[in-house]
Amino acid sequence: MIMSNSASIVNEVEERLNNEIEQLKKDIWRVGDPEKPQVAFGELFDDEQTQQHYEGLAATLKAAKKRGIVTYKSPILLKGAHDKVMVNLVDTSPMGNK
């Protein structure tokens, strides 16, 4: 069966999002607290490697929150206004890429 162009685009977007969420887990460990998987949004946003990787960090975080991968206590995340909001990984098991 030949995949339609729109289905192909959806698959590409889903794959990109999955890759970004996997990288997000690593970045929370790398940038945040070395003892537990949490980081302030502003600290994550200001990190140079993070800035280079994500097309939209807030959108990736929102998708990760909807999937139950991260938690944070704000309906939205905006640079400046929400810099101190803590982003927490739900799975607290240490990752190899701390």
PDB file of N, CA and C in Angstrom:
ATOM      1  N   MET A   1       0.841  -1.175   0.000  1.00  0.00           N
ATOM      2  CA  MET A   1       0.000   0.000   0.000  1.00  0.00           C
ATOM      3  C   MET A   1       0.891   1.245   0.000  1.00  0.00           C
ATOM      4  N   ILE A   2       0.593   2.188  -0.845  1.00  0.00           N
ATOM      5  CA  ILE A   2       1.352   3.430  -0.928  1.00  0.00           C
ATOM      6  C   ILE A   2       0.795   4.419   0.089  1.00  0.00           C
ATOM      7  N   MET A   3       1.708   4.994   0.865  1.00  0.00           N
ATOM      8  CA  MET A   3       1.299   5.942   1.890  1.00  0.00           C
ATOM      9  C   MET A   3       1.002   7.294   1.245  1.00  0.00           C
ATOM     10  N   SER A   4      -0.084   7.922   1.645  1.00  0.00           N
ATOM     11  CA  SER A   4      -0.411   9.241   1.110  1.00  0.00           C
ATOM     12  C   SER A   4       0.599  10.263   1.612  1.00  0.00           C
ATOM     13  N   ASN A   5       0.688  11.367   0.907  1.00  0.00           N
ATOM     14  CA  ASN A   5       1.629  12.417   1.269  1.00  0.00           C
ATOM     15  C   ASN A   5       1.335  12.952   2.663  1.00  0.00           C
ATOM     16  N   SER A   6       0.064  13.159   2.995  1.00  0.00           N
ATOM     17  CA  SER A   6      -0.268  13.692   4.317  1.00  0.00           C
ATOM     18  C   SER A   6       0.075  12.684   5.420  1.00  0.00           C
ATOM     19  N   ALA A   7      -0.135  11.407   5.171  1.00  0.00           N
ATOM     20  CA  ALA A   7       0.234  10.386   6.158  1.00  0.00           C
ATOM     21  C   ALA A   7       1.750  10.360   6.347  1.00  0.00           C
ATOM     22  N   SER A   8       2.473  10.554   5.272  1.00  0.00           N
ATOM     23  CA  SER A   8       3.930  10.590   5.342  1.00  0.00           C
ATOM     24  C   SER A   8       4.398  11.778   6.184  1.00  0.00           C
ATOM     25  N   ILE A   9       3.763  12.914   5.996  1.00  0.00           N
ATOM     26  CA  ILE A   9       4.103  14.115   6.762  1.00  0.00           C
ATOM     27  C   ILE A   9       3.800  13.904   8.239  1.00  0.00           C
ATOM     28  N   VAL A  10       2.654  13.310   8.534  1.00  0.00           N
ATOM     29  CA  VAL A  10       2.276  13.028   9.923  1.00  0.00           C
ATOM     30  C   VAL A  10       3.313  12.110  10.559  1.00  0.00           C
ATOM     31  N   ASN A  11       3.734  11.088   9.848  1.00  0.00           N
ATOM     32  CA  ASN A  11       4.748  10.167  10.369  1.00  0.00           C
ATOM     33  C   ASN A  11       6.072  10.883  10.636  1.00  0.00           C
ATOM     34  N   GLU A  12       6.462  11.778   9.741  1.00  0.00           N
ATOM     35  CA  GLU A  12       7.699  12.539   9.922  1.00  0.00           C
ATOM     36  C   GLU A  12       7.625  13.431  11.151  1.00  0.00           C
ATOM     37  N   VAL A  13       6.502  14.103  11.334  1.00  0.00           N
ATOM     38  CA  VAL A  13       6.313  14.987  12.483  1.00  0.00           C
ATOM     39  C   VAL A  13       6.324  14.178  13.779  1.00  0.00           C
ATOM     40  N   GLU A  14       5.639  13.053  13.780  1.00  0.00           N
ATOM     41  CA  GLU A  14       5.596  12.191  14.969  1.00  0.00           C
ATOM     42  C   GLU A  14       6.988  11.670  15.309  1.00  0.00           C
ATOM     43  N   GLU A  15       7.741  11.275  14.309  1.00  0.00           N
ATOM     44  CA  GLU A  15       9.103  10.779  14.537  1.00  0.00           C
ATOM     45  C   GLU A  15       9.992  11.884  15.095  1.00  0.00           C
ATOM     46  N   ARG A  16       9.876  13.078  14.536  1.00  0.00           N
ATOM     47  CA  ARG A  16      10.666  14.230  15.019  1.00  0.00           C
ATOM     48  C   ARG A  16      10.321  14.528  16.478  1.00  0.00           C
ATOM     49  N   LEU A  17       9.023  14.524  16.811  1.00  0.00           N
ATOM     50  CA  LEU A  17       8.588  14.791  18.178  1.00  0.00           C
ATOM     51  C   LEU A  17       9.111  13.718  19.136  1.00  0.00           C
ATOM     52  N   ASN A  18       9.024  12.466  18.751  1.00  0.00           N
ATOM     53  CA  ASN A  18       9.544  11.382  19.589  1.00  0.00           C
ATOM     54  C   ASN A  18      11.039  11.551  19.847  1.00  0.00           C
ATOM     55  N   ASN A  19      11.787  11.934  18.813  1.00  0.00           N
ATOM     56  CA  ASN A  19      13.228  12.165  18.962  1.00  0.00           C
ATOM     57  C   ASN A  19      13.496  13.343  19.895  1.00  0.00           C
ATOM     58  N   GLU A  20      12.694  14.412  19.759  1.00  0.00           N
ATOM     59  CA  GLU A  20      12.875  15.582  20.614  1.00  0.00           C
ATOM     60  C   GLU A  20      12.564  15.247  22.069  1.00  0.00           C
ATOM     61  N   ILE A  21      11.552  14.437  22.313  1.00  0.00           N
ATOM     62  CA  ILE A  21      11.201  14.065  23.680  1.00  0.00           C
ATOM     63  C   ILE A  21      12.302  13.209  24.299  1.00  0.00           C
ATOM     64  N   GLU A  22      12.873  12.307  23.531  1.00  0.00           N
ATOM     65  CA  GLU A  22      13.994  11.505  24.038  1.00  0.00           C
ATOM     66  C   GLU A  22      15.187  12.407  24.374  1.00  0.00           C
ATOM     67  N   GLN A  23      15.457  13.381  23.519  1.00  0.00           N
ATOM     68  CA  GLN A  23      16.557  14.322  23.779  1.00  0.00           C
ATOM     69  C   GLN A  23      16.226  15.194  24.983  1.00  0.00           C
ATOM     70  N   LEU A  24      14.964  15.567  25.140  1.00  0.00           N
ATOM     71  CA  LEU A  24      14.535  16.385  26.274  1.00  0.00           C
ATOM     72  C   LEU A  24      14.859  15.698  27.596  1.00  0.00           C
ATOM     73  N   LYS A  25      14.621  14.405  27.668  1.00  0.00           N
ATOM     74  CA  LYS A  25      14.941  13.652  28.886  1.00  0.00           C
ATOM     75  C   LYS A  25      16.428  13.797  29.219  1.00  0.00           C
ATOM     76  N   LYS A  26      17.275  13.649  28.221  1.00  0.00           N
ATOM     77  CA  LYS A  26      18.717  13.768  28.426  1.00  0.00           C
ATOM     78  C   LYS A  26      19.092  15.186  28.844  1.00  0.00           C
ATOM     79  N   ASP A  27      18.458  16.169  28.215  1.00  0.00           N
ATOM     80  CA  ASP A  27      18.785  17.563  28.513  1.00  0.00           C
ATOM     81  C   ASP A  27      18.349  17.970  29.919  1.00  0.00           C
ATOM     82  N   ILE A  28      17.242  17.451  30.398  1.00  0.00           N
ATOM     83  CA  ILE A  28      16.816  17.760  31.764  1.00  0.00           C
ATOM     84  C   ILE A  28      17.853  17.236  32.755  1.00  0.00           C
ATOM     85  N   TRP A  29      18.359  16.028  32.535  1.00  0.00           N
ATOM     86  CA  TRP A  29      19.422  15.492  33.399  1.00  0.00           C
ATOM     87  C   TRP A  29      20.704  16.303  33.247  1.00  0.00           C
ATOM     88  N   ARG A  30      21.052  16.672  32.030  1.00  0.00           N
ATOM     89  CA  ARG A  30      22.324  17.363  31.765  1.00  0.00           C
ATOM     90  C   ARG A  30      22.331  18.777  32.349  1.00  0.00           C
ATOM     91  N   VAL A  31      21.253  19.518  32.148  1.00  0.00           N
ATOM     92  CA  VAL A  31      21.213  20.922  32.544  1.00  0.00           C
ATOM     93  C   VAL A  31      20.769  21.098  33.992  1.00  0.00           C
ATOM     94  N   GLY A  32      19.906  20.224  34.451  1.00  0.00           N
ATOM     95  CA  GLY A  32      19.298  20.398  35.765  1.00  0.00           C
ATOM     96  C   GLY A  32      20.096  19.830  36.917  1.00  0.00           C
ATOM     97  N   ASP A  33      19.380  19.523  37.961  1.00  0.00           N
ATOM     98  CA  ASP A  33      19.932  19.000  39.203  1.00  0.00           C
ATOM     99  C   ASP A  33      20.549  17.622  38.960  1.00  0.00           C
ATOM    100  N   PRO A  34      21.835  17.421  39.296  1.00  0.00           N
ATOM    101  CA  PRO A  34      22.460  16.117  39.055  1.00  0.00           C
ATOM    102  C   PRO A  34      21.915  15.001  39.954  1.00  0.00           C
ATOM    103  N   GLU A  35      21.185  15.365  40.992  1.00  0.00           N
ATOM    104  CA  GLU A  35      20.635  14.374  41.924  1.00  0.00           C
ATOM    105  C   GLU A  35      19.222  13.924  41.575  1.00  0.00           C
ATOM    106  N   LYS A  36      18.483  14.765  40.882  1.00  0.00           N
ATOM    107  CA  LYS A  36      17.111  14.417  40.510  1.00  0.00           C
ATOM    108  C   LYS A  36      16.752  15.083  39.192  1.00  0.00           C
ATOM    109  N   PRO A  37      15.869  14.464  38.427  1.00  0.00           N
ATOM    110  CA  PRO A  37      15.567  14.952  37.080  1.00  0.00           C
ATOM    111  C   PRO A  37      14.589  16.121  37.074  1.00  0.00           C
ATOM    112  N   GLN A  38      15.128  17.302  37.371  1.00  0.00           N
ATOM    113  CA  GLN A  38      14.309  18.506  37.287  1.00  0.00           C
ATOM    114  C   GLN A  38      15.195  19.673  36.899  1.00  0.00           C
ATOM    115  N   VAL A  39      14.579  20.662  36.271  1.00  0.00           N
ATOM    116  CA  VAL A  39      15.320  21.840  35.833  1.00  0.00           C
ATOM    117  C   VAL A  39      14.339  22.999  35.735  1.00  0.00           C
ATOM    118  N   ALA A  40      14.810  24.192  36.025  1.00  0.00           N
ATOM    119  CA  ALA A  40      13.987  25.382  35.833  1.00  0.00           C
ATOM    120  C   ALA A  40      13.847  25.640  34.334  1.00  0.00           C
ATOM    121  N   PHE A  41      12.647  26.016  33.901  1.00  0.00           N
ATOM    122  CA  PHE A  41      12.401  26.260  32.482  1.00  0.00           C
ATOM    123  C   PHE A  41      13.396  27.262  31.904  1.00  0.00           C
ATOM    124  N   GLY A  42      13.649  28.353  32.614  1.00  0.00           N
ATOM    125  CA  GLY A  42      14.568  29.380  32.113  1.00  0.00           C
ATOM    126  C   GLY A  42      15.977  28.861  31.922  1.00  0.00           C
ATOM    127  N   GLU A  43      16.413  28.012  32.836  1.00  0.00           N
ATOM    128  CA  GLU A  43      17.748  27.423  32.742  1.00  0.00           C
ATOM    129  C   GLU A  43      17.839  26.509  31.519  1.00  0.00           C
ATOM    130  N   LEU A  44      16.806  25.710  31.307  1.00  0.00           N
ATOM    131  CA  LEU A  44      16.769  24.822  30.142  1.00  0.00           C
ATOM    132  C   LEU A  44      16.703  25.644  28.861  1.00  0.00           C
ATOM    133  N   PHE A  45      15.867  26.668  28.855  1.00  0.00           N
ATOM    134  CA  PHE A  45      15.686  27.523  27.679  1.00  0.00           C
ATOM    135  C   PHE A  45      16.988  28.235  27.304  1.00  0.00           C
ATOM    136  N   ASP A  46      17.745  28.693  28.307  1.00  0.00           N
ATOM    137  CA  ASP A  46      18.962  29.463  28.057  1.00  0.00           C
ATOM    138  C   ASP A  46      20.176  28.607  27.693  1.00  0.00           C
ATOM    139  N   ASP A  47      20.088  27.313  27.874  1.00  0.00           N
ATOM    140  CA  ASP A  47      21.203  26.427  27.561  1.00  0.00           C
ATOM    141  C   ASP A  47      21.486  26.438  26.057  1.00  0.00           C
ATOM    142  N   GLU A  48      22.731  26.642  25.685  1.00  0.00           N
ATOM    143  CA  GLU A  48      23.097  26.767  24.265  1.00  0.00           C
ATOM    144  C   GLU A  48      22.778  25.512  23.452  1.00  0.00           C
ATOM    145  N   GLN A  49      23.087  24.339  23.987  1.00  0.00           N
ATOM    146  CA  GLN A  49      22.793  23.101  23.256  1.00  0.00           C
ATOM    147  C   GLN A  49      21.285  22.927  23.062  1.00  0.00           C
ATOM    148  N   THR A  50      20.527  23.279  24.080  1.00  0.00           N
ATOM    149  CA  THR A  50      19.075  23.182  23.995  1.00  0.00           C
ATOM    150  C   THR A  50      18.554  24.124  22.915  1.00  0.00           C
ATOM    151  N   GLN A  51      19.076  25.340  22.888  1.00  0.00           N
ATOM    152  CA  GLN A  51      18.638  26.323  21.888  1.00  0.00           C
ATOM    153  C   GLN A  51      18.903  25.836  20.469  1.00  0.00           C
ATOM    154  N   GLN A  52      20.010  25.132  20.289  1.00  0.00           N
ATOM    155  CA  GLN A  52      20.363  24.654  18.955  1.00  0.00           C
ATOM    156  C   GLN A  52      19.537  23.449  18.516  1.00  0.00           C
ATOM    157  N   HIS A  53      19.006  22.684  19.465  1.00  0.00           N
ATOM    158  CA  HIS A  53      18.344  21.432  19.113  1.00  0.00           C
ATOM    159  C   HIS A  53      16.854  21.562  18.809  1.00  0.00           C
ATOM    160  N   TYR A  54      16.122  22.310  19.622  1.00  0.00           N
ATOM    161  CA  TYR A  54      14.662  22.294  19.531  1.00  0.00           C
ATOM    162  C   TYR A  54      14.123  23.392  18.625  1.00  0.00           C
ATOM    163  N   GLU A  55      13.139  23.021  17.810  1.00  0.00           N
ATOM    164  CA  GLU A  55      12.445  24.015  17.004  1.00  0.00           C
ATOM    165  C   GLU A  55      11.557  24.875  17.887  1.00  0.00           C
ATOM    166  N   GLY A  56      10.953  24.250  18.897  1.00  0.00           N
ATOM    167  CA  GLY A  56      10.103  24.958  19.844  1.00  0.00           C
ATOM    168  C   GLY A  56      10.117  24.233  21.175  1.00  0.00           C
ATOM    169  N   LEU A  57      10.957  24.687  22.094  1.00  0.00           N
ATOM    170  CA  LEU A  57      11.110  23.997  23.370  1.00  0.00           C
ATOM    171  C   LEU A  57       9.793  23.930  24.133  1.00  0.00           C
ATOM    172  N   ALA A  58       9.056  25.031  24.203  1.00  0.00           N
ATOM    173  CA  ALA A  58       7.793  25.040  24.948  1.00  0.00           C
ATOM    174  C   ALA A  58       6.800  24.046  24.351  1.00  0.00           C
ATOM    175  N   ALA A  59       6.768  23.935  23.036  1.00  0.00           N
ATOM    176  CA  ALA A  59       5.862  22.984  22.379  1.00  0.00           C
ATOM    177  C   ALA A  59       6.282  21.539  22.662  1.00  0.00           C
ATOM    178  N   THR A  60       7.583  21.282  22.666  1.00  0.00           N
ATOM    179  CA  THR A  60       8.074  19.941  22.993  1.00  0.00           C
ATOM    180  C   THR A  60       7.736  19.591  24.431  1.00  0.00           C
ATOM    181  N   LEU A  61       7.904  20.553  25.339  1.00  0.00           N
ATOM    182  CA  LEU A  61       7.559  20.323  26.738  1.00  0.00           C
ATOM    183  C   LEU A  61       6.066  20.061  26.904  1.00  0.00           C
ATOM    184  N   LYS A  62       5.244  20.802  26.180  1.00  0.00           N
ATOM    185  CA  LYS A  62       3.792  20.603  26.261  1.00  0.00           C
ATOM    186  C   LYS A  62       3.413  19.205  25.775  1.00  0.00           C
ATOM    187  N   ALA A  63       4.013  18.764  24.675  1.00  0.00           N
ATOM    188  CA  ALA A  63       3.744  17.422  24.154  1.00  0.00           C
ATOM    189  C   ALA A  63       4.206  16.361  25.154  1.00  0.00           C
ATOM    190  N   ALA A  64       5.367  16.585  25.770  1.00  0.00           N
ATOM    191  CA  ALA A  64       5.885  15.639  26.761  1.00  0.00           C
ATOM    192  C   ALA A  64       4.978  15.606  27.990  1.00  0.00           C
ATOM    193  N   LYS A  65       4.408  16.741  28.355  1.00  0.00           N
ATOM    194  CA  LYS A  65       3.489  16.799  29.499  1.00  0.00           C
ATOM    195  C   LYS A  65       2.210  16.023  29.193  1.00  0.00           C
ATOM    196  N   LYS A  66       1.679  16.205  27.982  1.00  0.00           N
ATOM    197  CA  LYS A  66       0.464  15.476  27.582  1.00  0.00           C
ATOM    198  C   LYS A  66       0.689  13.971  27.569  1.00  0.00           C
ATOM    199  N   ARG A  67       1.913  13.541  27.275  1.00  0.00           N
ATOM    200  CA  ARG A  67       2.245  12.112  27.229  1.00  0.00           C
ATOM    201  C   ARG A  67       2.637  11.558  28.597  1.00  0.00           C
ATOM    202  N   GLY A  68       2.634  12.424  29.610  1.00  0.00           N
ATOM    203  CA  GLY A  68       2.961  11.973  30.966  1.00  0.00           C
ATOM    204  C   GLY A  68       4.445  11.772  31.213  1.00  0.00           C
ATOM    205  N   ILE A  69       5.292  12.418  30.431  1.00  0.00           N
ATOM    206  CA  ILE A  69       6.736  12.258  30.556  1.00  0.00           C
ATOM    207  C   ILE A  69       7.332  13.305  31.498  1.00  0.00           C
ATOM    208  N   VAL A  70       6.767  14.516  31.470  1.00  0.00           N
ATOM    209  CA  VAL A  70       7.205  15.570  32.378  1.00  0.00           C
ATOM    210  C   VAL A  70       5.988  16.178  33.074  1.00  0.00           C
ATOM    211  N   THR A  71       6.267  16.869  34.171  1.00  0.00           N
ATOM    212  CA  THR A  71       5.240  17.649  34.854  1.00  0.00           C
ATOM    213  C   THR A  71       5.801  19.043  35.102  1.00  0.00           C
ATOM    214  N   TYR A  72       4.922  20.024  35.119  1.00  0.00           N
ATOM    215  CA  TYR A  72       5.261  21.380  35.550  1.00  0.00           C
ATOM    216  C   TYR A  72       3.957  22.081  35.900  1.00  0.00           C
ATOM    217  N   LYS A  73       4.059  23.052  36.811  1.00  0.00           N
ATOM    218  CA  LYS A  73       2.865  23.696  37.353  1.00  0.00           C
ATOM    219  C   LYS A  73       2.586  25.025  36.669  1.00  0.00           C
ATOM    220  N   SER A  74       2.280  24.953  35.391  1.00  0.00           N
ATOM    221  CA  SER A  74       1.922  26.141  34.627  1.00  0.00           C
ATOM    222  C   SER A  74       1.185  25.674  33.377  1.00  0.00           C
ATOM    223  N   PRO A  75       0.115  26.363  33.009  1.00  0.00           N
ATOM    224  CA  PRO A  75      -0.583  25.948  31.786  1.00  0.00           C
ATOM    225  C   PRO A  75       0.235  26.207  30.523  1.00  0.00           C
ATOM    226  N   ILE A  76       1.095  27.232  30.567  1.00  0.00           N
ATOM    227  CA  ILE A  76       1.979  27.538  29.437  1.00  0.00           C
ATOM    228  C   ILE A  76       3.354  27.904  29.989  1.00  0.00           C
ATOM    229  N   LEU A  77       4.355  27.907  29.122  1.00  0.00           N
ATOM    230  CA  LEU A  77       5.707  28.307  29.508  1.00  0.00           C
ATOM    231  C   LEU A  77       6.186  29.393  28.561  1.00  0.00           C
ATOM    232  N   LEU A  78       6.444  30.568  29.113  1.00  0.00           N
ATOM    233  CA  LEU A  78       6.952  31.693  28.340  1.00  0.00           C
ATOM    234  C   LEU A  78       8.267  32.157  28.946  1.00  0.00           C
ATOM    235  N   LYS A  79       9.255  32.409  28.089  1.00  0.00           N
ATOM    236  CA  LYS A  79      10.556  32.878  28.548  1.00  0.00           C
ATOM    237  C   LYS A  79      10.371  34.186  29.311  1.00  0.00           C
ATOM    238  N   GLY A  80      11.023  34.265  30.444  1.00  0.00           N
ATOM    239  CA  GLY A  80      10.925  35.455  31.287  1.00  0.00           C
ATOM    240  C   GLY A  80       9.881  35.273  32.368  1.00  0.00           C
ATOM    241  N   ALA A  81       8.628  35.166  31.960  1.00  0.00           N
ATOM    242  CA  ALA A  81       7.523  35.048  32.914  1.00  0.00           C
ATOM    243  C   ALA A  81       7.538  33.725  33.674  1.00  0.00           C
ATOM    244  N   HIS A  82       8.048  32.668  33.048  1.00  0.00           N
ATOM    245  CA  HIS A  82       7.996  31.341  33.657  1.00  0.00           C
ATOM    246  C   HIS A  82       9.380  30.711  33.837  1.00  0.00           C
ATOM    247  N   ASP A  83      10.404  31.530  33.920  1.00  0.00           N
ATOM    248  CA  ASP A  83      11.776  31.027  34.042  1.00  0.00           C
ATOM    249  C   ASP A  83      11.990  30.132  35.255  1.00  0.00           C
ATOM    250  N   LYS A  84      11.273  30.402  36.348  1.00  0.00           N
ATOM    251  CA  LYS A  84      11.495  29.647  37.585  1.00  0.00           C
ATOM    252  C   LYS A  84      10.593  28.423  37.723  1.00  0.00           C
ATOM    253  N   VAL A  85       9.726  28.181  36.747  1.00  0.00           N
ATOM    254  CA  VAL A  85       8.859  27.000  36.791  1.00  0.00           C
ATOM    255  C   VAL A  85       9.735  25.759  36.639  1.00  0.00           C
ATOM    256  N   MET A  86       9.588  24.824  37.588  1.00  0.00           N
ATOM    257  CA  MET A  86      10.383  23.604  37.557  1.00  0.00           C
ATOM    258  C   MET A  86       9.739  22.566  36.639  1.00  0.00           C
ATOM    259  N   VAL A  87      10.543  22.022  35.747  1.00  0.00           N
ATOM    260  CA  VAL A  87      10.129  20.942  34.850  1.00  0.00           C
ATOM    261  C   VAL A  87      10.702  19.659  35.440  1.00  0.00           C
ATOM    262  N   ASN A  88       9.833  18.690  35.725  1.00  0.00           N
ATOM    263  CA  ASN A  88      10.235  17.445  36.367  1.00  0.00           C
ATOM    264  C   ASN A  88       9.978  16.262  35.447  1.00  0.00           C
ATOM    265  N   LEU A  89      10.948  15.357  35.362  1.00  0.00           N
ATOM    266  CA  LEU A  89      10.719  14.100  34.660  1.00  0.00           C
ATOM    267  C   LEU A  89       9.904  13.188  35.557  1.00  0.00           C
ATOM    268  N   VAL A  90       8.920  12.505  34.996  1.00  0.00           N
ATOM    269  CA  VAL A  90       8.110  11.567  35.757  1.00  0.00           C
ATOM    270  C   VAL A  90       8.943  10.346  36.122  1.00  0.00           C
ATOM    271  N   ASP A  91       9.690   9.806  35.150  1.00  0.00           N
ATOM    272  CA  ASP A  91      10.581   8.660  35.391  1.00  0.00           C
ATOM    273  C   ASP A  91      11.866   9.199  36.001  1.00  0.00           C
ATOM    274  N   THR A  92      12.096   8.924  37.264  1.00  0.00           N
ATOM    275  CA  THR A  92      13.250   9.482  37.967  1.00  0.00           C
ATOM    276  C   THR A  92      14.466   8.573  37.957  1.00  0.00           C
ATOM    277  N   SER A  93      14.418   7.479  37.204  1.00  0.00           N
ATOM    278  CA  SER A  93      15.583   6.591  37.146  1.00  0.00           C
ATOM    279  C   SER A  93      16.712   7.295  36.388  1.00  0.00           C
ATOM    280  N   PRO A  94      17.936   7.221  36.906  1.00  0.00           N
ATOM    281  CA  PRO A  94      19.064   7.910  36.270  1.00  0.00           C
ATOM    282  C   PRO A  94      19.285   7.467  34.831  1.00  0.00           C
ATOM    283  N   MET A  95      19.675   8.407  34.017  1.00  0.00           N
ATOM    284  CA  MET A  95      19.988   8.123  32.614  1.00  0.00           C
ATOM    285  C   MET A  95      21.501   8.103  32.467  1.00  0.00           C
ATOM    286  N   GLY A  96      21.969   7.408  31.465  1.00  0.00           N
ATOM    287  CA  GLY A  96      23.395   7.318  31.213  1.00  0.00           C
ATOM    288  C   GLY A  96      24.025   8.621  30.802  1.00  0.00           C
ATOM    289  N   ASN A  97      23.247   9.566  30.295  1.00  0.00           N
ATOM    290  CA  ASN A  97      23.798  10.810  29.742  1.00  0.00           C
ATOM    291  C   ASN A  97      23.633  11.982  30.698  1.00  0.00           C
ATOM    292  N   LYS A  98      23.921  11.793  31.947  1.00  0.00           N
ATOM    293  CA  LYS A  98      23.831  12.895  32.912  1.00  0.00           C
ATOM    294  C   LYS A  98      24.858  13.936  32.619  1.00  0.00           C
TER     295      LYS A  98
END
